[in-house]
N, C-alpha and C. Protein backbone atom coordinates (compact mmCIF):
# COMPACT_ATOMS: atom_id res chain seq x y z
N UNK A 1 -24.53 -39.85 -3.78
CA UNK A 1 -24.17 -41.26 -3.76
C UNK A 1 -24.94 -41.97 -2.66
N UNK A 2 -25.46 -43.15 -2.97
CA UNK A 2 -26.13 -43.91 -1.93
C UNK A 2 -25.11 -44.71 -1.11
N UNK A 3 -25.56 -45.25 0.00
CA UNK A 3 -24.64 -45.93 0.93
C UNK A 3 -23.93 -47.12 0.28
N UNK A 4 -24.62 -47.84 -0.58
CA UNK A 4 -24.00 -49.01 -1.24
C UNK A 4 -22.86 -48.55 -2.14
N UNK A 5 -23.07 -47.47 -2.88
CA UNK A 5 -22.01 -46.94 -3.75
C UNK A 5 -20.83 -46.45 -2.92
N UNK A 6 -21.12 -45.82 -1.80
CA UNK A 6 -20.05 -45.31 -0.93
C UNK A 6 -19.25 -46.48 -0.36
N UNK A 7 -19.95 -47.52 0.08
CA UNK A 7 -19.26 -48.70 0.62
C UNK A 7 -18.42 -49.36 -0.47
N UNK A 8 -18.96 -49.42 -1.68
CA UNK A 8 -18.20 -49.98 -2.81
C UNK A 8 -16.94 -49.17 -3.09
N UNK A 9 -17.08 -47.85 -3.08
CA UNK A 9 -15.91 -46.98 -3.28
C UNK A 9 -14.90 -47.18 -2.16
N UNK A 10 -15.38 -47.27 -0.94
CA UNK A 10 -14.49 -47.51 0.20
C UNK A 10 -13.72 -48.81 0.02
N UNK A 11 -14.41 -49.85 -0.40
CA UNK A 11 -13.76 -51.16 -0.59
C UNK A 11 -12.68 -51.08 -1.66
N UNK A 12 -12.97 -50.37 -2.75
CA UNK A 12 -11.97 -50.21 -3.81
C UNK A 12 -10.76 -49.43 -3.29
N UNK A 13 -11.02 -48.37 -2.52
CA UNK A 13 -9.91 -47.58 -1.97
C UNK A 13 -9.09 -48.42 -0.99
N UNK A 14 -9.76 -49.18 -0.10
CA UNK A 14 -9.02 -50.04 0.84
C UNK A 14 -8.12 -51.00 0.09
N UNK A 15 -8.69 -51.69 -0.91
CA UNK A 15 -7.91 -52.69 -1.66
C UNK A 15 -6.76 -52.03 -2.42
N UNK A 16 -7.06 -50.95 -3.11
CA UNK A 16 -6.02 -50.26 -3.88
C UNK A 16 -4.92 -49.72 -2.99
N UNK A 17 -5.29 -49.11 -1.89
CA UNK A 17 -4.30 -48.56 -0.96
C UNK A 17 -3.44 -49.68 -0.37
N UNK A 18 -4.06 -50.79 -0.04
CA UNK A 18 -3.31 -51.93 0.49
C UNK A 18 -2.27 -52.43 -0.50
N UNK A 19 -2.66 -52.52 -1.76
CA UNK A 19 -1.70 -52.95 -2.79
C UNK A 19 -0.58 -51.94 -2.99
N UNK A 20 -0.94 -50.67 -3.04
CA UNK A 20 0.07 -49.62 -3.25
C UNK A 20 1.07 -49.58 -2.09
N UNK A 21 0.57 -49.58 -0.86
CA UNK A 21 1.48 -49.50 0.28
C UNK A 21 2.31 -50.77 0.42
N UNK A 22 1.70 -51.92 0.15
CA UNK A 22 2.46 -53.18 0.21
C UNK A 22 3.59 -53.19 -0.80
N UNK A 23 3.30 -52.76 -2.01
CA UNK A 23 4.33 -52.72 -3.05
C UNK A 23 5.40 -51.69 -2.72
N UNK A 24 4.98 -50.50 -2.30
CA UNK A 24 5.94 -49.45 -1.97
C UNK A 24 6.85 -49.88 -0.82
N UNK A 25 6.30 -50.53 0.19
CA UNK A 25 7.11 -50.98 1.32
C UNK A 25 8.09 -52.06 0.87
N UNK A 26 7.66 -52.90 -0.04
CA UNK A 26 8.55 -53.94 -0.58
C UNK A 26 9.76 -53.31 -1.27
N UNK A 27 9.57 -52.14 -1.85
CA UNK A 27 10.64 -51.47 -2.59
C UNK A 27 11.56 -50.63 -1.69
N UNK A 28 11.23 -50.52 -0.41
CA UNK A 28 12.10 -49.73 0.48
C UNK A 28 13.48 -50.37 0.58
N UNK A 29 14.52 -49.57 0.52
CA UNK A 29 15.87 -50.12 0.64
C UNK A 29 16.12 -50.66 2.05
N UNK A 30 16.98 -51.67 2.14
CA UNK A 30 17.28 -52.31 3.43
C UNK A 30 17.79 -51.29 4.44
N UNK A 31 18.54 -50.28 4.00
CA UNK A 31 19.11 -49.30 4.94
C UNK A 31 18.03 -48.51 5.67
N UNK A 32 16.84 -48.41 5.07
CA UNK A 32 15.73 -47.70 5.71
C UNK A 32 15.13 -48.55 6.83
N UNK A 33 15.23 -49.85 6.69
CA UNK A 33 14.58 -50.77 7.62
C UNK A 33 15.53 -51.41 8.63
N UNK A 34 16.82 -51.11 8.55
CA UNK A 34 17.78 -51.79 9.42
C UNK A 34 17.87 -51.18 10.81
N UNK A 35 17.04 -50.18 11.10
CA UNK A 35 17.04 -49.55 12.42
C UNK A 35 15.63 -49.04 12.71
N UNK A 36 15.37 -48.85 13.99
CA UNK A 36 14.07 -48.32 14.38
C UNK A 36 14.05 -46.81 14.21
N UNK A 37 12.87 -46.31 13.95
CA UNK A 37 12.62 -44.88 13.86
C UNK A 37 11.70 -44.51 15.03
N UNK A 38 11.33 -43.25 15.10
CA UNK A 38 10.39 -42.84 16.13
C UNK A 38 9.12 -43.69 16.07
N UNK A 39 8.66 -43.99 14.87
CA UNK A 39 7.42 -44.75 14.69
C UNK A 39 7.59 -46.21 15.11
N UNK A 40 8.68 -46.83 14.73
CA UNK A 40 8.83 -48.28 14.94
C UNK A 40 9.55 -48.65 16.24
N UNK A 41 10.12 -47.68 16.93
CA UNK A 41 10.83 -47.98 18.18
C UNK A 41 9.84 -48.49 19.23
N UNK A 42 10.17 -49.63 19.85
CA UNK A 42 9.30 -50.16 20.90
C UNK A 42 9.55 -49.38 22.19
N UNK A 43 8.49 -49.20 22.94
CA UNK A 43 8.56 -48.46 24.20
C UNK A 43 8.58 -49.46 25.36
N UNK A 44 9.16 -49.07 26.49
CA UNK A 44 9.26 -50.00 27.64
C UNK A 44 7.91 -50.55 28.12
N UNK A 45 6.87 -49.77 28.06
CA UNK A 45 5.57 -50.19 28.56
C UNK A 45 4.87 -51.19 27.64
N UNK A 46 5.35 -51.35 26.41
CA UNK A 46 4.68 -52.23 25.46
C UNK A 46 4.75 -53.70 25.86
N UNK A 47 5.80 -54.10 26.55
CA UNK A 47 5.93 -55.51 26.96
C UNK A 47 4.78 -55.88 27.89
N UNK A 48 4.43 -54.99 28.80
CA UNK A 48 3.34 -55.27 29.72
C UNK A 48 2.00 -55.32 28.98
N UNK A 49 1.80 -54.42 28.04
CA UNK A 49 0.57 -54.41 27.24
C UNK A 49 0.48 -55.72 26.44
N UNK A 50 1.58 -56.12 25.85
CA UNK A 50 1.62 -57.35 25.07
C UNK A 50 1.26 -58.57 25.93
N UNK A 51 1.79 -58.61 27.14
CA UNK A 51 1.47 -59.72 28.06
C UNK A 51 0.00 -59.69 28.45
N UNK A 52 -0.50 -58.51 28.79
CA UNK A 52 -1.91 -58.41 29.21
C UNK A 52 -2.88 -58.78 28.10
N UNK A 53 -2.52 -58.42 26.88
CA UNK A 53 -3.38 -58.75 25.73
C UNK A 53 -3.12 -60.16 25.20
N UNK A 54 -2.13 -60.84 25.79
CA UNK A 54 -1.78 -62.21 25.41
C UNK A 54 -1.51 -62.35 23.91
N UNK A 55 -0.72 -61.43 23.41
CA UNK A 55 -0.42 -61.37 21.98
C UNK A 55 0.14 -62.70 21.47
N UNK A 56 1.01 -63.33 22.23
CA UNK A 56 1.63 -64.59 21.77
C UNK A 56 0.60 -65.69 21.56
N UNK A 57 -0.53 -65.62 22.24
CA UNK A 57 -1.58 -66.65 22.09
C UNK A 57 -2.32 -66.55 20.77
N UNK A 58 -2.63 -65.32 20.34
CA UNK A 58 -3.48 -65.16 19.17
C UNK A 58 -2.77 -64.68 17.92
N UNK A 59 -1.49 -64.32 18.01
CA UNK A 59 -0.83 -63.74 16.85
C UNK A 59 -0.72 -64.71 15.68
N UNK A 60 -0.69 -65.99 15.94
CA UNK A 60 -0.59 -66.96 14.83
C UNK A 60 -1.87 -67.02 14.00
N UNK A 61 -2.95 -66.45 14.51
CA UNK A 61 -4.22 -66.43 13.78
C UNK A 61 -4.31 -65.29 12.77
N UNK A 62 -3.36 -64.36 12.84
CA UNK A 62 -3.37 -63.22 11.92
C UNK A 62 -2.95 -63.63 10.52
N UNK A 63 -3.48 -62.97 9.50
CA UNK A 63 -3.06 -63.28 8.13
C UNK A 63 -1.61 -62.84 7.89
N UNK A 64 -0.96 -63.50 6.97
CA UNK A 64 0.43 -63.20 6.63
C UNK A 64 0.52 -62.93 5.14
N UNK A 65 0.91 -61.73 4.77
CA UNK A 65 1.00 -61.37 3.35
C UNK A 65 2.40 -60.91 2.99
N UNK A 66 3.37 -61.24 3.79
CA UNK A 66 4.74 -60.77 3.57
C UNK A 66 5.35 -61.19 2.25
N UNK A 67 4.90 -62.29 1.70
CA UNK A 67 5.49 -62.79 0.46
C UNK A 67 4.78 -62.30 -0.80
N UNK A 68 3.72 -61.54 -0.65
CA UNK A 68 2.93 -61.12 -1.81
C UNK A 68 3.79 -60.43 -2.86
N UNK A 69 4.66 -59.54 -2.45
CA UNK A 69 5.51 -58.81 -3.40
C UNK A 69 6.95 -59.30 -3.37
N UNK A 70 7.15 -60.52 -2.91
CA UNK A 70 8.50 -61.08 -2.90
C UNK A 70 9.25 -60.89 -1.60
N UNK A 71 8.56 -60.41 -0.58
CA UNK A 71 9.20 -60.23 0.72
C UNK A 71 9.28 -61.56 1.47
N UNK A 72 9.45 -61.46 2.77
CA UNK A 72 9.58 -62.65 3.61
C UNK A 72 8.35 -62.80 4.50
N UNK A 73 8.01 -64.04 4.74
CA UNK A 73 6.95 -64.33 5.69
C UNK A 73 7.47 -64.05 7.09
N UNK A 74 6.58 -63.61 7.96
CA UNK A 74 6.95 -63.38 9.34
C UNK A 74 6.41 -64.47 10.26
N UNK A 75 5.91 -65.55 9.68
CA UNK A 75 5.41 -66.68 10.47
C UNK A 75 6.55 -67.38 11.21
N UNK A 76 7.70 -67.47 10.56
CA UNK A 76 8.86 -68.14 11.14
C UNK A 76 10.07 -67.21 10.98
N UNK A 77 10.92 -67.24 11.99
CA UNK A 77 12.11 -66.40 11.95
C UNK A 77 13.06 -66.90 10.87
N UNK A 78 13.22 -68.19 10.75
CA UNK A 78 14.07 -68.75 9.70
C UNK A 78 15.49 -69.05 10.12
N UNK A 79 15.78 -68.97 11.39
CA UNK A 79 17.12 -69.27 11.88
C UNK A 79 17.41 -68.55 13.18
N UNK A 80 18.54 -68.87 13.76
CA UNK A 80 18.88 -68.29 15.05
C UNK A 80 20.09 -67.35 15.00
N UNK A 81 20.72 -67.26 13.86
CA UNK A 81 21.88 -66.40 13.73
C UNK A 81 21.51 -64.93 13.78
N UNK A 82 22.42 -64.11 14.23
CA UNK A 82 22.15 -62.67 14.34
C UNK A 82 21.76 -62.04 13.00
N UNK A 83 22.43 -62.36 11.88
CA UNK A 83 21.99 -61.75 10.61
C UNK A 83 20.55 -62.11 10.25
N UNK A 84 20.15 -63.35 10.55
CA UNK A 84 18.78 -63.77 10.26
C UNK A 84 17.80 -63.02 11.15
N UNK A 85 18.14 -62.86 12.41
CA UNK A 85 17.27 -62.13 13.33
C UNK A 85 17.17 -60.66 12.94
N UNK A 86 18.27 -60.08 12.51
CA UNK A 86 18.24 -58.67 12.07
C UNK A 86 17.38 -58.51 10.82
N UNK A 87 17.47 -59.47 9.90
CA UNK A 87 16.65 -59.43 8.69
C UNK A 87 15.16 -59.57 9.04
N UNK A 88 14.87 -60.45 10.00
CA UNK A 88 13.49 -60.62 10.45
C UNK A 88 12.97 -59.33 11.08
N UNK A 89 13.79 -58.70 11.91
CA UNK A 89 13.38 -57.43 12.53
C UNK A 89 13.09 -56.38 11.47
N UNK A 90 13.91 -56.35 10.42
CA UNK A 90 13.67 -55.40 9.32
C UNK A 90 12.33 -55.69 8.65
N UNK A 91 12.01 -56.95 8.47
CA UNK A 91 10.72 -57.31 7.85
C UNK A 91 9.56 -56.89 8.75
N UNK A 92 9.74 -56.99 10.06
CA UNK A 92 8.66 -56.54 10.94
C UNK A 92 8.49 -55.02 10.84
N UNK A 93 9.58 -54.31 10.65
CA UNK A 93 9.47 -52.85 10.47
C UNK A 93 8.73 -52.53 9.18
N UNK A 94 9.07 -53.25 8.11
CA UNK A 94 8.41 -53.04 6.82
C UNK A 94 6.90 -53.26 6.97
N UNK A 95 6.54 -54.36 7.59
CA UNK A 95 5.12 -54.67 7.76
C UNK A 95 4.43 -53.66 8.67
N UNK A 96 5.14 -53.22 9.69
CA UNK A 96 4.54 -52.24 10.59
C UNK A 96 4.24 -50.93 9.87
N UNK A 97 5.15 -50.50 9.03
CA UNK A 97 4.92 -49.28 8.24
C UNK A 97 3.67 -49.44 7.38
N UNK A 98 3.53 -50.60 6.75
CA UNK A 98 2.35 -50.85 5.92
C UNK A 98 1.08 -50.75 6.76
N UNK A 99 1.10 -51.34 7.95
CA UNK A 99 -0.10 -51.31 8.79
C UNK A 99 -0.40 -49.93 9.33
N UNK A 100 0.62 -49.13 9.66
CA UNK A 100 0.34 -47.75 10.07
C UNK A 100 -0.24 -46.96 8.91
N UNK A 101 0.29 -47.21 7.70
CA UNK A 101 -0.26 -46.51 6.52
C UNK A 101 -1.68 -46.94 6.22
N UNK A 102 -2.10 -48.06 6.78
CA UNK A 102 -3.47 -48.53 6.58
C UNK A 102 -4.52 -47.59 7.15
N UNK A 103 -4.12 -46.63 7.96
CA UNK A 103 -5.07 -45.66 8.50
C UNK A 103 -5.25 -44.45 7.60
N UNK A 104 -4.36 -44.23 6.66
CA UNK A 104 -4.38 -43.03 5.82
C UNK A 104 -5.68 -42.88 5.02
N UNK A 105 -6.27 -43.94 4.46
CA UNK A 105 -7.51 -43.74 3.70
C UNK A 105 -8.63 -43.11 4.51
N UNK A 106 -8.56 -43.20 5.81
CA UNK A 106 -9.62 -42.58 6.62
C UNK A 106 -9.71 -41.08 6.38
N UNK A 107 -8.59 -40.47 6.04
CA UNK A 107 -8.61 -39.03 5.74
C UNK A 107 -9.46 -38.77 4.50
N UNK A 108 -9.24 -39.57 3.46
CA UNK A 108 -10.03 -39.40 2.23
C UNK A 108 -11.50 -39.73 2.47
N UNK A 109 -11.77 -40.73 3.29
CA UNK A 109 -13.16 -41.12 3.54
C UNK A 109 -13.98 -40.02 4.19
N UNK A 110 -13.30 -39.07 4.84
CA UNK A 110 -14.02 -37.94 5.42
C UNK A 110 -14.77 -37.14 4.36
N UNK A 111 -14.27 -37.17 3.13
CA UNK A 111 -14.86 -36.36 2.06
C UNK A 111 -16.14 -36.95 1.49
N UNK A 112 -16.34 -38.26 1.56
CA UNK A 112 -17.54 -38.82 0.93
C UNK A 112 -18.35 -39.76 1.83
N UNK A 113 -17.86 -40.06 3.01
CA UNK A 113 -18.62 -40.94 3.90
C UNK A 113 -19.45 -40.12 4.88
N UNK A 114 -20.70 -40.50 5.08
CA UNK A 114 -21.44 -39.88 6.19
C UNK A 114 -20.77 -40.30 7.50
N UNK A 115 -20.91 -39.51 8.53
CA UNK A 115 -20.21 -39.73 9.81
C UNK A 115 -20.37 -41.15 10.36
N UNK A 116 -21.59 -41.71 10.39
CA UNK A 116 -21.71 -43.07 10.94
C UNK A 116 -20.91 -44.11 10.12
N UNK A 117 -20.92 -43.97 8.81
CA UNK A 117 -20.16 -44.90 7.98
C UNK A 117 -18.67 -44.68 8.14
N UNK A 118 -18.25 -43.43 8.29
CA UNK A 118 -16.83 -43.16 8.54
C UNK A 118 -16.39 -43.85 9.83
N UNK A 119 -17.22 -43.83 10.86
CA UNK A 119 -16.89 -44.50 12.12
C UNK A 119 -16.75 -46.01 11.92
N UNK A 120 -17.58 -46.57 11.06
CA UNK A 120 -17.46 -48.01 10.75
C UNK A 120 -16.13 -48.26 10.04
N UNK A 121 -15.76 -47.38 9.12
CA UNK A 121 -14.48 -47.53 8.41
C UNK A 121 -13.30 -47.38 9.38
N UNK A 122 -13.42 -46.47 10.33
CA UNK A 122 -12.35 -46.29 11.33
C UNK A 122 -12.24 -47.54 12.21
N UNK A 123 -13.39 -48.13 12.56
CA UNK A 123 -13.37 -49.36 13.35
C UNK A 123 -12.73 -50.49 12.54
N UNK A 124 -13.05 -50.55 11.25
CA UNK A 124 -12.43 -51.57 10.39
C UNK A 124 -10.92 -51.37 10.33
N UNK A 125 -10.47 -50.14 10.11
CA UNK A 125 -9.02 -49.87 10.03
C UNK A 125 -8.33 -50.28 11.33
N UNK A 126 -8.96 -50.00 12.43
CA UNK A 126 -8.39 -50.36 13.73
C UNK A 126 -8.33 -51.88 13.89
N UNK A 127 -9.43 -52.56 13.57
CA UNK A 127 -9.48 -54.01 13.72
C UNK A 127 -8.52 -54.72 12.76
N UNK A 128 -8.32 -54.15 11.58
CA UNK A 128 -7.46 -54.78 10.58
C UNK A 128 -5.98 -54.51 10.81
N UNK A 129 -5.65 -53.41 11.46
CA UNK A 129 -4.24 -53.02 11.56
C UNK A 129 -3.63 -53.11 12.96
N UNK A 130 -4.38 -52.76 13.98
CA UNK A 130 -3.80 -52.71 15.33
C UNK A 130 -3.32 -54.09 15.80
N UNK A 131 -4.09 -55.17 15.63
CA UNK A 131 -3.56 -56.47 16.07
C UNK A 131 -2.25 -56.84 15.36
N UNK A 132 -2.14 -56.51 14.10
CA UNK A 132 -0.91 -56.80 13.35
C UNK A 132 0.26 -55.99 13.89
N UNK A 133 0.02 -54.71 14.16
CA UNK A 133 1.06 -53.85 14.72
C UNK A 133 1.50 -54.38 16.08
N UNK A 134 0.55 -54.76 16.91
CA UNK A 134 0.89 -55.30 18.24
C UNK A 134 1.75 -56.54 18.12
N UNK A 135 1.38 -57.43 17.22
CA UNK A 135 2.14 -58.66 17.02
C UNK A 135 3.55 -58.38 16.50
N UNK A 136 3.65 -57.53 15.51
CA UNK A 136 4.96 -57.19 14.93
C UNK A 136 5.88 -56.56 15.95
N UNK A 137 5.34 -55.65 16.74
CA UNK A 137 6.16 -54.97 17.74
C UNK A 137 6.59 -55.93 18.85
N UNK A 138 5.69 -56.82 19.25
CA UNK A 138 6.04 -57.80 20.29
C UNK A 138 7.15 -58.72 19.79
N UNK A 139 7.05 -59.17 18.55
CA UNK A 139 8.09 -60.05 18.00
C UNK A 139 9.42 -59.32 17.88
N UNK A 140 9.37 -58.07 17.41
CA UNK A 140 10.61 -57.32 17.25
C UNK A 140 11.24 -57.02 18.60
N UNK A 141 10.44 -56.76 19.61
CA UNK A 141 10.99 -56.52 20.95
C UNK A 141 11.69 -57.77 21.47
N UNK A 142 11.10 -58.94 21.26
CA UNK A 142 11.73 -60.18 21.71
C UNK A 142 13.04 -60.41 20.97
N UNK A 143 13.04 -60.18 19.67
CA UNK A 143 14.27 -60.37 18.88
C UNK A 143 15.31 -59.34 19.30
N UNK A 144 14.87 -58.12 19.56
CA UNK A 144 15.80 -57.09 20.02
C UNK A 144 16.48 -57.48 21.32
N UNK A 145 15.75 -58.10 22.23
CA UNK A 145 16.36 -58.55 23.49
C UNK A 145 17.43 -59.60 23.22
N UNK A 146 17.14 -60.54 22.32
CA UNK A 146 18.13 -61.57 21.96
C UNK A 146 19.37 -60.93 21.36
N UNK A 147 19.18 -60.01 20.42
CA UNK A 147 20.31 -59.37 19.75
C UNK A 147 21.14 -58.53 20.74
N UNK A 148 20.48 -57.85 21.65
CA UNK A 148 21.22 -57.07 22.64
C UNK A 148 22.04 -57.97 23.56
N UNK A 149 21.49 -59.12 23.94
CA UNK A 149 22.25 -60.06 24.77
C UNK A 149 23.48 -60.56 24.04
N UNK A 150 23.35 -60.71 22.74
CA UNK A 150 24.49 -61.18 21.94
C UNK A 150 25.48 -60.06 21.63
N UNK A 151 25.05 -58.85 21.86
CA UNK A 151 25.92 -57.71 21.57
C UNK A 151 25.93 -57.31 20.12
N UNK A 152 24.90 -57.70 19.37
CA UNK A 152 24.84 -57.39 17.93
C UNK A 152 24.39 -55.96 17.73
């Protein structure tokens, strides 16, 4: 396969995987998303990283695809009540799972990409997913602080 064919195959896999994971995450039951797991739990040091990277300044520039499969947008919380904040936190968990799964195609790319192109694909996966994960985790940490103050 020449490089153009490989890049075309990579693009098809990226798009297909994005659709599959987005749809699958949309189908996750609420009980799966109503609490943090090892993967989605925010760590104490993340607040400092978020401040240093100034996540609140640039997060509004990120694309929002939460409604593609009937989910909720994460652009706005949608209210101040505890149930609304808990639902928003669940949506951030759903989106975070999708973005972590965005790295999985890199495993398959090892089979047909030459090493330099695989590195480009890894850089793309990082650039496309890490800023979203940082934003989602920062928002969920802020909402978690509000909910803990309220005793929810």
